[in-house]
Amino acid sequence: SPQQSVMVPDLRLCTIRSINDIDRRFVFEILSPNSSHLLQADSQVQCDQWINSLQLAIKNSFKSSNDNVQNSASSSPKPKSKDDSSSNTALIEKIEFKQKMYIKNFSLFSF
């Protein structure tokens, strides 16, 4: 099977923004600390949906992280079980899978 690559290892460190370019329509940028990726959707509606979805995913990942920290701080310490580590692993795998799927659905521009 073809090997897949990951454009950005952690979407939470990225900024997603629309790019107004006369030569390329329906383009948005994923700006990470180390790189910038321009992606093109098939329509303005799809472009807006991708931008909104990515921004919401980033926002929700921070919200769930903050909720976990607050819940941990407010509850008494508990020993870690195998279930805790496997759920963290599953969450990481889910995030990585979603990032790969986002990337597969766009044309990548190199400058």
PDB file of N, CA and C in Angstrom:
ATOM      1  N   SER A   1       0.839  -1.197   0.000  1.00  0.00           N
ATOM      2  CA  SER A   1       0.000   0.000   0.000  1.00  0.00           C
ATOM      3  C   SER A   1       0.875   1.249   0.000  1.00  0.00           C
ATOM      4  N   PRO A   2       0.410   2.354  -0.579  1.00  0.00           N
ATOM      5  CA  PRO A   2       1.219   3.576  -0.630  1.00  0.00           C
ATOM      6  C   PRO A   2       1.412   4.161   0.768  1.00  0.00           C
ATOM      7  N   GLN A   3       2.595   4.681   0.988  1.00  0.00           N
ATOM      8  CA  GLN A   3       2.901   5.275   2.290  1.00  0.00           C
ATOM      9  C   GLN A   3       2.305   6.679   2.357  1.00  0.00           C
ATOM     10  N   GLN A   4       1.641   6.992   3.465  1.00  0.00           N
ATOM     11  CA  GLN A   4       1.021   8.297   3.639  1.00  0.00           C
ATOM     12  C   GLN A   4       1.934   9.181   4.467  1.00  0.00           C
ATOM     13  N   SER A   5       1.904  10.464   4.186  1.00  0.00           N
ATOM     14  CA  SER A   5       2.699  11.403   4.955  1.00  0.00           C
ATOM     15  C   SER A   5       1.777  12.334   5.735  1.00  0.00           C
ATOM     16  N   VAL A   6       2.315  12.899   6.783  1.00  0.00           N
ATOM     17  CA  VAL A   6       1.571  13.832   7.619  1.00  0.00           C
ATOM     18  C   VAL A   6       2.141  15.223   7.369  1.00  0.00           C
ATOM     19  N   MET A   7       1.265  16.137   6.978  1.00  0.00           N
ATOM     20  CA  MET A   7       1.703  17.495   6.687  1.00  0.00           C
ATOM     21  C   MET A   7       2.155  18.229   7.950  1.00  0.00           C
ATOM     22  N   VAL A   8       1.338  18.129   8.982  1.00  0.00           N
ATOM     23  CA  VAL A   8       1.659  18.770  10.262  1.00  0.00           C
ATOM     24  C   VAL A   8       1.411  17.756  11.372  1.00  0.00           C
ATOM     25  N   PRO A   9       2.373  17.597  12.282  1.00  0.00           N
ATOM     26  CA  PRO A   9       2.218  16.583  13.324  1.00  0.00           C
ATOM     27  C   PRO A   9       1.164  16.920  14.379  1.00  0.00           C
ATOM     28  N   ASP A  10       0.899  18.206  14.594  1.00  0.00           N
ATOM     29  CA  ASP A  10      -0.083  18.594  15.611  1.00  0.00           C
ATOM     30  C   ASP A  10      -0.879  19.789  15.111  1.00  0.00           C
ATOM     31  N   LEU A  11      -2.096  19.529  14.716  1.00  0.00           N
ATOM     32  CA  LEU A  11      -2.954  20.569  14.159  1.00  0.00           C
ATOM     33  C   LEU A  11      -3.242  21.675  15.177  1.00  0.00           C
ATOM     34  N   ARG A  12      -3.128  21.343  16.468  1.00  0.00           N
ATOM     35  CA  ARG A  12      -3.407  22.338  17.515  1.00  0.00           C
ATOM     36  C   ARG A  12      -2.410  23.491  17.504  1.00  0.00           C
ATOM     37  N   LEU A  13      -1.251  23.286  16.883  1.00  0.00           N
ATOM     38  CA  LEU A  13      -0.244  24.339  16.813  1.00  0.00           C
ATOM     39  C   LEU A  13      -0.378  25.195  15.562  1.00  0.00           C
ATOM     40  N   CYS A  14      -1.422  24.963  14.789  1.00  0.00           N
ATOM     41  CA  CYS A  14      -1.586  25.613  13.484  1.00  0.00           C
ATOM     42  C   CYS A  14      -2.626  26.723  13.508  1.00  0.00           C
ATOM     43  N   THR A  15      -2.485  27.606  12.553  1.00  0.00           N
ATOM     44  CA  THR A  15      -3.477  28.634  12.271  1.00  0.00           C
ATOM     45  C   THR A  15      -4.061  28.327  10.899  1.00  0.00           C
ATOM     46  N   ILE A  16      -5.372  28.422  10.787  1.00  0.00           N
ATOM     47  CA  ILE A  16      -6.054  28.166   9.531  1.00  0.00           C
ATOM     48  C   ILE A  16      -6.635  29.485   9.058  1.00  0.00           C
ATOM     49  N   ARG A  17      -6.331  29.849   7.807  1.00  0.00           N
ATOM     50  CA  ARG A  17      -6.874  31.115   7.313  1.00  0.00           C
ATOM     51  C   ARG A  17      -7.152  31.052   5.819  1.00  0.00           C
ATOM     52  N   SER A  18      -8.093  31.860   5.408  1.00  0.00           N
ATOM     53  CA  SER A  18      -8.467  31.960   4.003  1.00  0.00           C
ATOM     54  C   SER A  18      -7.409  32.769   3.267  1.00  0.00           C
ATOM     55  N   ILE A  19      -7.159  32.410   2.016  1.00  0.00           N
ATOM     56  CA  ILE A  19      -6.210  33.141   1.177  1.00  0.00           C
ATOM     57  C   ILE A  19      -6.972  33.687  -0.025  1.00  0.00           C
ATOM     58  N   ASN A  20      -6.911  34.978  -0.211  1.00  0.00           N
ATOM     59  CA  ASN A  20      -7.538  35.601  -1.377  1.00  0.00           C
ATOM     60  C   ASN A  20      -6.476  35.760  -2.455  1.00  0.00           C
ATOM     61  N   ASP A  21      -6.553  34.903  -3.454  1.00  0.00           N
ATOM     62  CA  ASP A  21      -5.563  34.882  -4.521  1.00  0.00           C
ATOM     63  C   ASP A  21      -6.291  34.933  -5.860  1.00  0.00           C
ATOM     64  N   ILE A  22      -5.944  35.883  -6.677  1.00  0.00           N
ATOM     65  CA  ILE A  22      -6.604  36.038  -7.975  1.00  0.00           C
ATOM     66  C   ILE A  22      -6.331  34.829  -8.870  1.00  0.00           C
ATOM     67  N   ASP A  23      -5.113  34.292  -8.808  1.00  0.00           N
ATOM     68  CA  ASP A  23      -4.737  33.170  -9.673  1.00  0.00           C
ATOM     69  C   ASP A  23      -5.297  31.831  -9.210  1.00  0.00           C
ATOM     70  N   ARG A  24      -5.539  31.687  -7.922  1.00  0.00           N
ATOM     71  CA  ARG A  24      -6.035  30.414  -7.370  1.00  0.00           C
ATOM     72  C   ARG A  24      -7.263  30.701  -6.531  1.00  0.00           C
ATOM     73  N   ARG A  25      -8.355  30.071  -6.910  1.00  0.00           N
ATOM     74  CA  ARG A  25      -9.603  30.261  -6.167  1.00  0.00           C
ATOM     75  C   ARG A  25      -9.748  29.175  -5.109  1.00  0.00           C
ATOM     76  N   PHE A  26     -10.518  29.465  -4.085  1.00  0.00           N
ATOM     77  CA  PHE A  26     -10.908  28.503  -3.045  1.00  0.00           C
ATOM     78  C   PHE A  26      -9.697  27.953  -2.279  1.00  0.00           C
ATOM     79  N   VAL A  27      -8.744  28.814  -1.985  1.00  0.00           N
ATOM     80  CA  VAL A  27      -7.502  28.401  -1.330  1.00  0.00           C
ATOM     81  C   VAL A  27      -7.515  28.851   0.123  1.00  0.00           C
ATOM     82  N   PHE A  28      -6.988  27.975   0.986  1.00  0.00           N
ATOM     83  CA  PHE A  28      -6.763  28.345   2.378  1.00  0.00           C
ATOM     84  C   PHE A  28      -5.399  27.832   2.808  1.00  0.00           C
ATOM     85  N   GLU A  29      -4.923  28.359   3.929  1.00  0.00           N
ATOM     86  CA  GLU A  29      -3.575  28.046   4.397  1.00  0.00           C
ATOM     87  C   GLU A  29      -3.628  27.389   5.765  1.00  0.00           C
ATOM     88  N   ILE A  30      -2.801  26.379   5.920  1.00  0.00           N
ATOM     89  CA  ILE A  30      -2.524  25.803   7.236  1.00  0.00           C
ATOM     90  C   ILE A  30      -1.119  26.256   7.577  1.00  0.00           C
ATOM     91  N   LEU A  31      -1.026  27.120   8.562  1.00  0.00           N
ATOM     92  CA  LEU A  31       0.247  27.701   8.962  1.00  0.00           C
ATOM     93  C   LEU A  31       0.681  27.069  10.279  1.00  0.00           C
ATOM     94  N   SER A  32       1.787  26.319  10.225  1.00  0.00           N
ATOM     95  CA  SER A  32       2.322  25.679  11.427  1.00  0.00           C
ATOM     96  C   SER A  32       3.589  26.417  11.839  1.00  0.00           C
ATOM     97  N   PRO A  33       4.141  26.107  13.006  1.00  0.00           N
ATOM     98  CA  PRO A  33       5.372  26.787  13.427  1.00  0.00           C
ATOM     99  C   PRO A  33       6.541  26.579  12.456  1.00  0.00           C
ATOM    100  N   ASN A  34       6.532  25.462  11.729  1.00  0.00           N
ATOM    101  CA  ASN A  34       7.667  25.155  10.861  1.00  0.00           C
ATOM    102  C   ASN A  34       7.379  25.229   9.373  1.00  0.00           C
ATOM    103  N   SER A  35       6.123  25.378   8.988  1.00  0.00           N
ATOM    104  CA  SER A  35       5.811  25.351   7.560  1.00  0.00           C
ATOM    105  C   SER A  35       4.473  26.009   7.266  1.00  0.00           C
ATOM    106  N   SER A  36       4.241  26.198   5.985  1.00  0.00           N
ATOM    107  CA  SER A  36       2.984  26.751   5.513  1.00  0.00           C
ATOM    108  C   SER A  36       2.512  25.889   4.351  1.00  0.00           C
ATOM    109  N   HIS A  37       1.220  25.535   4.362  1.00  0.00           N
ATOM    110  CA  HIS A  37       0.649  24.696   3.310  1.00  0.00           C
ATOM    111  C   HIS A  37      -0.582  25.386   2.745  1.00  0.00           C
ATOM    112  N   LEU A  38      -0.606  25.550   1.434  1.00  0.00           N
ATOM    113  CA  LEU A  38      -1.781  26.086   0.769  1.00  0.00           C
ATOM    114  C   LEU A  38      -2.574  24.921   0.207  1.00  0.00           C
ATOM    115  N   LEU A  39      -3.868  24.912   0.508  1.00  0.00           N
ATOM    116  CA  LEU A  39      -4.745  23.845   0.047  1.00  0.00           C
ATOM    117  C   LEU A  39      -5.890  24.464  -0.737  1.00  0.00           C
ATOM    118  N   GLN A  40      -6.370  23.732  -1.734  1.00  0.00           N
ATOM    119  CA  GLN A  40      -7.427  24.247  -2.583  1.00  0.00           C
ATOM    120  C   GLN A  40      -8.626  23.320  -2.559  1.00  0.00           C
ATOM    121  N   ALA A  41      -9.785  23.900  -2.290  1.00  0.00           N
ATOM    122  CA  ALA A  41     -11.048  23.148  -2.306  1.00  0.00           C
ATOM    123  C   ALA A  41     -11.671  23.264  -3.694  1.00  0.00           C
ATOM    124  N   ASP A  42     -12.744  22.531  -3.904  1.00  0.00           N
ATOM    125  CA  ASP A  42     -13.426  22.551  -5.199  1.00  0.00           C
ATOM    126  C   ASP A  42     -14.371  23.734  -5.363  1.00  0.00           C
ATOM    127  N   SER A  43     -14.767  24.359  -4.255  1.00  0.00           N
ATOM    128  CA  SER A  43     -15.699  25.488  -4.324  1.00  0.00           C
ATOM    129  C   SER A  43     -15.476  26.389  -3.108  1.00  0.00           C
ATOM    130  N   GLN A  44     -16.062  27.588  -3.161  1.00  0.00           N
ATOM    131  CA  GLN A  44     -15.944  28.494  -2.020  1.00  0.00           C
ATOM    132  C   GLN A  44     -16.671  27.932  -0.803  1.00  0.00           C
ATOM    133  N   VAL A  45     -17.812  27.284  -1.049  1.00  0.00           N
ATOM    134  CA  VAL A  45     -18.558  26.674   0.058  1.00  0.00           C
ATOM    135  C   VAL A  45     -17.700  25.614   0.742  1.00  0.00           C
ATOM    136  N   GLN A  46     -17.075  24.741  -0.031  1.00  0.00           N
ATOM    137  CA  GLN A  46     -16.206  23.708   0.553  1.00  0.00           C
ATOM    138  C   GLN A  46     -15.016  24.335   1.268  1.00  0.00           C
ATOM    139  N   CYS A  47     -14.443  25.366   0.684  1.00  0.00           N
ATOM    140  CA  CYS A  47     -13.310  26.045   1.316  1.00  0.00           C
ATOM    141  C   CYS A  47     -13.714  26.587   2.689  1.00  0.00           C
ATOM    142  N   ASP A  48     -14.845  27.268   2.733  1.00  0.00           N
ATOM    143  CA  ASP A  48     -15.350  27.808   4.001  1.00  0.00           C
ATOM    144  C   ASP A  48     -15.634  26.693   5.005  1.00  0.00           C
ATOM    145  N   GLN A  49     -16.195  25.589   4.521  1.00  0.00           N
ATOM    146  CA  GLN A  49     -16.485  24.458   5.418  1.00  0.00           C
ATOM    147  C   GLN A  49     -15.201  23.871   5.981  1.00  0.00           C
ATOM    148  N   TRP A  50     -14.170  23.730   5.158  1.00  0.00           N
ATOM    149  CA  TRP A  50     -12.892  23.193   5.645  1.00  0.00           C
ATOM    150  C   TRP A  50     -12.258  24.122   6.672  1.00  0.00           C
ATOM    151  N   ILE A  51     -12.264  25.413   6.376  1.00  0.00           N
ATOM    152  CA  ILE A  51     -11.680  26.380   7.318  1.00  0.00           C
ATOM    153  C   ILE A  51     -12.430  26.312   8.645  1.00  0.00           C
ATOM    154  N   ASN A  52     -13.744  26.361   8.594  1.00  0.00           N
ATOM    155  CA  ASN A  52     -14.553  26.324   9.821  1.00  0.00           C
ATOM    156  C   ASN A  52     -14.362  25.009  10.574  1.00  0.00           C
ATOM    157  N   SER A  53     -14.330  23.903   9.849  1.00  0.00           N
ATOM    158  CA  SER A  53     -14.167  22.591  10.494  1.00  0.00           C
ATOM    159  C   SER A  53     -12.805  22.465  11.166  1.00  0.00           C
ATOM    160  N   LEU A  54     -11.762  22.896  10.483  1.00  0.00           N
ATOM    161  CA  LEU A  54     -10.423  22.818  11.063  1.00  0.00           C
ATOM    162  C   LEU A  54     -10.293  23.732  12.275  1.00  0.00           C
ATOM    163  N   GLN A  55     -10.807  24.952  12.163  1.00  0.00           N
ATOM    164  CA  GLN A  55     -10.753  25.875  13.299  1.00  0.00           C
ATOM    165  C   GLN A  55     -11.551  25.343  14.486  1.00  0.00           C
ATOM    166  N   LEU A  56     -12.702  24.753  14.222  1.00  0.00           N
ATOM    167  CA  LEU A  56     -13.516  24.173  15.290  1.00  0.00           C
ATOM    168  C   LEU A  56     -12.809  22.976  15.927  1.00  0.00           C
ATOM    169  N   ALA A  57     -12.180  22.140  15.109  1.00  0.00           N
ATOM    170  CA  ALA A  57     -11.444  20.988  15.643  1.00  0.00           C
ATOM    171  C   ALA A  57     -10.306  21.435  16.555  1.00  0.00           C
ATOM    172  N   ILE A  58      -9.607  22.477  16.150  1.00  0.00           N
ATOM    173  CA  ILE A  58      -8.521  23.009  16.977  1.00  0.00           C
ATOM    174  C   ILE A  58      -9.086  23.558  18.286  1.00  0.00           C
ATOM    175  N   LYS A  59     -10.149  24.344  18.180  1.00  0.00           N
ATOM    176  CA  LYS A  59     -10.784  24.928  19.377  1.00  0.00           C
ATOM    177  C   LYS A  59     -11.265  23.832  20.324  1.00  0.00           C
ATOM    178  N   ASN A  60     -11.915  22.803  19.774  1.00  0.00           N
ATOM    179  CA  ASN A  60     -12.433  21.719  20.613  1.00  0.00           C
ATOM    180  C   ASN A  60     -11.318  20.897  21.250  1.00  0.00           C
ATOM    181  N   SER A  61     -10.211  20.753  20.553  1.00  0.00           N
ATOM    182  CA  SER A  61      -9.114  19.985  21.144  1.00  0.00           C
ATOM    183  C   SER A  61      -8.534  20.726  22.348  1.00  0.00           C
ATOM    184  N   PHE A  62      -8.474  22.063  22.272  1.00  0.00           N
ATOM    185  CA  PHE A  62      -8.012  22.829  23.428  1.00  0.00           C
ATOM    186  C   PHE A  62      -9.045  22.792  24.548  1.00  0.00           C
ATOM    187  N   LYS A  63     -10.313  22.867  24.182  1.00  0.00           N
ATOM    188  CA  LYS A  63     -11.375  22.827  25.188  1.00  0.00           C
ATOM    189  C   LYS A  63     -11.358  21.494  25.930  1.00  0.00           C
ATOM    190  N   SER A  64     -11.230  20.386  25.189  1.00  0.00           N
ATOM    191  CA  SER A  64     -11.218  19.081  25.845  1.00  0.00           C
ATOM    192  C   SER A  64      -9.961  18.913  26.686  1.00  0.00           C
ATOM    193  N   SER A  65      -8.844  19.492  26.243  1.00  0.00           N
ATOM    194  CA  SER A  65      -7.618  19.437  27.044  1.00  0.00           C
ATOM    195  C   SER A  65      -7.801  20.207  28.343  1.00  0.00           C
ATOM    196  N   ASN A  66      -8.418  21.402  28.258  1.00  0.00           N
ATOM    197  CA  ASN A  66      -8.659  22.209  29.452  1.00  0.00           C
ATOM    198  C   ASN A  66      -9.648  21.520  30.389  1.00  0.00           C
ATOM    199  N   ASP A  67     -10.679  20.896  29.825  1.00  0.00           N
ATOM    200  CA  ASP A  67     -11.644  20.176  30.654  1.00  0.00           C
ATOM    201  C   ASP A  67     -10.966  19.032  31.393  1.00  0.00           C
ATOM    202  N   ASN A  68     -10.085  18.316  30.715  1.00  0.00           N
ATOM    203  CA  ASN A  68      -9.361  17.216  31.354  1.00  0.00           C
ATOM    204  C   ASN A  68      -8.471  17.716  32.476  1.00  0.00           C
ATOM    205  N   VAL A  69      -7.819  18.857  32.255  1.00  0.00           N
ATOM    206  CA  VAL A  69      -6.954  19.425  33.300  1.00  0.00           C
ATOM    207  C   VAL A  69      -7.794  19.853  34.488  1.00  0.00           C
ATOM    208  N   GLN A  70      -8.929  20.515  34.240  1.00  0.00           N
ATOM    209  CA  GLN A  70      -9.793  20.961  35.337  1.00  0.00           C
ATOM    210  C   GLN A  70     -10.368  19.768  36.092  1.00  0.00           C
ATOM    211  N   ASN A  71     -10.791  18.735  35.377  1.00  0.00           N
ATOM    212  CA  ASN A  71     -11.321  17.546  36.034  1.00  0.00           C
ATOM    213  C   ASN A  71     -10.249  16.852  36.859  1.00  0.00           C
ATOM    214  N   SER A  72      -9.043  16.815  36.359  1.00  0.00           N
ATOM    215  CA  SER A  72      -7.944  16.185  37.091  1.00  0.00           C
ATOM    216  C   SER A  72      -7.616  16.976  38.350  1.00  0.00           C
ATOM    217  N   ALA A  73      -7.655  18.303  38.232  1.00  0.00           N
ATOM    218  CA  ALA A  73      -7.316  19.140  39.377  1.00  0.00           C
ATOM    219  C   ALA A  73      -8.389  19.082  40.455  1.00  0.00           C
ATOM    220  N   SER A  74      -9.642  18.919  40.050  1.00  0.00           N
ATOM    221  CA  SER A  74     -10.720  18.938  41.030  1.00  0.00           C
ATOM    222  C   SER A  74     -10.980  17.583  41.667  1.00  0.00           C
ATOM    223  N   SER A  75     -10.469  16.528  41.088  1.00  0.00           N
ATOM    224  CA  SER A  75     -10.694  15.202  41.659  1.00  0.00           C
ATOM    225  C   SER A  75      -9.439  14.711  42.365  1.00  0.00           C
ATOM    226  N   SER A  76      -9.635  13.730  43.227  1.00  0.00           N
ATOM    227  CA  SER A  76      -8.476  13.188  43.922  1.00  0.00           C
ATOM    228  C   SER A  76      -7.638  12.366  42.957  1.00  0.00           C
ATOM    229  N   PRO A  77      -6.323  12.306  43.201  1.00  0.00           N
ATOM    230  CA  PRO A  77      -5.457  11.549  42.298  1.00  0.00           C
ATOM    231  C   PRO A  77      -5.849  10.075  42.266  1.00  0.00           C
ATOM    232  N   LYS A  78      -5.826   9.526  41.071  1.00  0.00           N
ATOM    233  CA  LYS A  78      -6.164   8.118  40.896  1.00  0.00           C
ATOM    234  C   LYS A  78      -4.996   7.426  40.215  1.00  0.00           C
ATOM    235  N   PRO A  79      -4.768   6.182  40.551  1.00  0.00           N
ATOM    236  CA  PRO A  79      -3.709   5.467  39.841  1.00  0.00           C
ATOM    237  C   PRO A  79      -4.122   5.258  38.389  1.00  0.00           C
ATOM    238  N   LYS A  80      -3.125   5.344  37.503  1.00  0.00           N
ATOM    239  CA  LYS A  80      -3.415   5.140  36.081  1.00  0.00           C
ATOM    240  C   LYS A  80      -3.638   3.672  35.804  1.00  0.00           C
ATOM    241  N   SER A  81      -4.648   3.424  35.006  1.00  0.00           N
ATOM    242  CA  SER A  81      -4.925   2.050  34.617  1.00  0.00           C
ATOM    243  C   SER A  81      -4.534   1.850  33.172  1.00  0.00           C
ATOM    244  N   LYS A  82      -4.546   0.624  32.739  1.00  0.00           N
ATOM    245  CA  LYS A  82      -4.244   0.327  31.348  1.00  0.00           C
ATOM    246  C   LYS A  82      -5.279   0.970  30.434  1.00  0.00           C
ATOM    247  N   ASP A  83      -6.530   1.076  30.901  1.00  0.00           N
ATOM    248  CA  ASP A  83      -7.581   1.683  30.100  1.00  0.00           C
ATOM    249  C   ASP A  83      -7.289   3.147  29.798  1.00  0.00           C
ATOM    250  N   ASP A  84      -6.710   3.881  30.781  1.00  0.00           N
ATOM    251  CA  ASP A  84      -6.387   5.293  30.572  1.00  0.00           C
ATOM    252  C   ASP A  84      -5.371   5.457  29.455  1.00  0.00           C
ATOM    253  N   SER A  85      -4.309   4.668  29.478  1.00  0.00           N
ATOM    254  CA  SER A  85      -3.276   4.815  28.462  1.00  0.00           C
ATOM    255  C   SER A  85      -3.779   4.368  27.100  1.00  0.00           C
ATOM    256  N   SER A  86      -4.626   3.341  27.066  1.00  0.00           N
ATOM    257  CA  SER A  86      -5.138   2.899  25.769  1.00  0.00           C
ATOM    258  C   SER A  86      -6.113   3.916  25.188  1.00  0.00           C
ATOM    259  N   SER A  87      -6.883   4.612  26.046  1.00  0.00           N
ATOM    260  CA  SER A  87      -7.791   5.630  25.517  1.00  0.00           C
ATOM    261  C   SER A  87      -7.000   6.830  25.007  1.00  0.00           C
ATOM    262  N   ASN A  88      -5.885   7.173  25.681  1.00  0.00           N
ATOM    263  CA  ASN A  88      -5.024   8.252  25.183  1.00  0.00           C
ATOM    264  C   ASN A  88      -4.417   7.864  23.843  1.00  0.00           C
ATOM    265  N   THR A  89      -3.968   6.638  23.723  1.00  0.00           N
ATOM    266  CA  THR A  89      -3.396   6.153  22.469  1.00  0.00           C
ATOM    267  C   THR A  89      -4.453   6.189  21.376  1.00  0.00           C
ATOM    268  N   ALA A  90      -5.652   5.769  21.692  1.00  0.00           N
ATOM    269  CA  ALA A  90      -6.740   5.779  20.716  1.00  0.00           C
ATOM    270  C   ALA A  90      -7.048   7.212  20.269  1.00  0.00           C
ATOM    271  N   LEU A  91      -7.029   8.162  21.203  1.00  0.00           N
ATOM    272  CA  LEU A  91      -7.288   9.555  20.873  1.00  0.00           C
ATOM    273  C   LEU A  91      -6.205  10.096  19.946  1.00  0.00           C
ATOM    274  N   ILE A  92      -4.961   9.809  20.245  1.00  0.00           N
ATOM    275  CA  ILE A  92      -3.850  10.260  19.405  1.00  0.00           C
ATOM    276  C   ILE A  92      -3.972   9.661  18.011  1.00  0.00           C
ATOM    277  N   GLU A  93      -4.284   8.371  17.928  1.00  0.00           N
ATOM    278  CA  GLU A  93      -4.442   7.725  16.632  1.00  0.00           C
ATOM    279  C   GLU A  93      -5.599   8.345  15.852  1.00  0.00           C
ATOM    280  N   LYS A  94      -6.674   8.700  16.543  1.00  0.00           N
ATOM    281  CA  LYS A  94      -7.830   9.306  15.892  1.00  0.00           C
ATOM    282  C   LYS A  94      -7.464  10.681  15.326  1.00  0.00           C
ATOM    283  N   ILE A  95      -6.735  11.472  16.086  1.00  0.00           N
ATOM    284  CA  ILE A  95      -6.305  12.795  15.629  1.00  0.00           C
ATOM    285  C   ILE A  95      -5.395  12.657  14.412  1.00  0.00           C
ATOM    286  N   GLU A  96      -4.427  11.723  14.486  1.00  0.00           N
ATOM    287  CA  GLU A  96      -3.512  11.520  13.364  1.00  0.00           C
ATOM    288  C   GLU A  96      -4.270  11.055  12.127  1.00  0.00           C
ATOM    289  N   PHE A  97      -5.250  10.175  12.289  1.00  0.00           N
ATOM    290  CA  PHE A  97      -6.041   9.692  11.163  1.00  0.00           C
ATOM    291  C   PHE A  97      -6.813  10.844  10.519  1.00  0.00           C
ATOM    292  N   LYS A  98      -7.437  11.698  11.348  1.00  0.00           N
ATOM    293  CA  LYS A  98      -8.199  12.822  10.808  1.00  0.00           C
ATOM    294  C   LYS A  98      -7.289  13.774  10.039  1.00  0.00           C
ATOM    295  N   GLN A  99      -6.073  14.018  10.566  1.00  0.00           N
ATOM    296  CA  GLN A  99      -5.135  14.879   9.858  1.00  0.00           C
ATOM    297  C   GLN A  99      -4.792  14.293   8.498  1.00  0.00           C
ATOM    298  N   LYS A 100      -4.577  12.977   8.439  1.00  0.00           N
ATOM    299  CA  LYS A 100      -4.263  12.335   7.164  1.00  0.00           C
ATOM    300  C   LYS A 100      -5.423  12.467   6.194  1.00  0.00           C
ATOM    301  N   MET A 101      -6.653  12.333   6.695  1.00  0.00           N
ATOM    302  CA  MET A 101      -7.824  12.422   5.825  1.00  0.00           C
ATOM    303  C   MET A 101      -8.015  13.842   5.306  1.00  0.00           C
ATOM    304  N   TYR A 102      -7.739  14.851   6.152  1.00  0.00           N
ATOM    305  CA  TYR A 102      -7.835  16.233   5.700  1.00  0.00           C
ATOM    306  C   TYR A 102      -6.881  16.452   4.531  1.00  0.00           C
ATOM    307  N   ILE A 103      -5.682  15.956   4.690  1.00  0.00           N
ATOM    308  CA  ILE A 103      -4.630  16.173   3.704  1.00  0.00           C
ATOM    309  C   ILE A 103      -4.949  15.473   2.389  1.00  0.00           C
ATOM    310  N   LYS A 104      -5.524  14.278   2.449  1.00  0.00           N
ATOM    311  CA  LYS A 104      -5.800  13.511   1.241  1.00  0.00           C
ATOM    312  C   LYS A 104      -6.822  14.190   0.339  1.00  0.00           C
ATOM    313  N   ASN A 105      -7.666  15.044   0.884  1.00  0.00           N
ATOM    314  CA  ASN A 105      -8.771  15.613   0.129  1.00  0.00           C
ATOM    315  C   ASN A 105      -8.450  16.935  -0.565  1.00  0.00           C
ATOM    316  N   PHE A 106      -7.199  17.326  -0.590  1.00  0.00           N
ATOM    317  CA  PHE A 106      -6.842  18.609  -1.181  1.00  0.00           C
ATOM    318  C   PHE A 106      -5.651  18.492  -2.095  1.00  0.00           C
ATOM    319  N   SER A 107      -5.560  19.455  -3.000  1.00  0.00           N
ATOM    320  CA  SER A 107      -4.380  19.591  -3.847  1.00  0.00           C
ATOM    321  C   SER A 107      -3.388  20.465  -3.096  1.00  0.00           C
ATOM    322  N   LEU A 108      -2.151  20.049  -3.030  1.00  0.00           N
ATOM    323  CA  LEU A 108      -1.121  20.776  -2.294  1.00  0.00           C
ATOM    324  C   LEU A 108      -0.306  21.613  -3.274  1.00  0.00           C
ATOM    325  N   PHE A 109      -0.091  22.868  -2.945  1.00  0.00           N
ATOM    326  CA  PHE A 109       0.738  23.752  -3.757  1.00  0.00           C
ATOM    327  C   PHE A 109       2.102  23.901  -3.117  1.00  0.00           C
ATOM    328  N   SER A 110       3.142  23.868  -3.925  1.00  0.00           N
ATOM    329  CA  SER A 110       4.502  24.126  -3.445  1.00  0.00           C
ATOM    330  C   SER A 110       5.001  25.381  -4.123  1.00  0.00           C
ATOM    331  N   PHE A 111       5.626  26.234  -3.346  1.00  0.00           N
ATOM    332  CA  PHE A 111       6.166  27.473  -3.919  1.00  0.00           C
ATOM    333  C   PHE A 111       7.656  27.501  -3.741  1.00  0.00           C
TER     334      PHE A 111
END
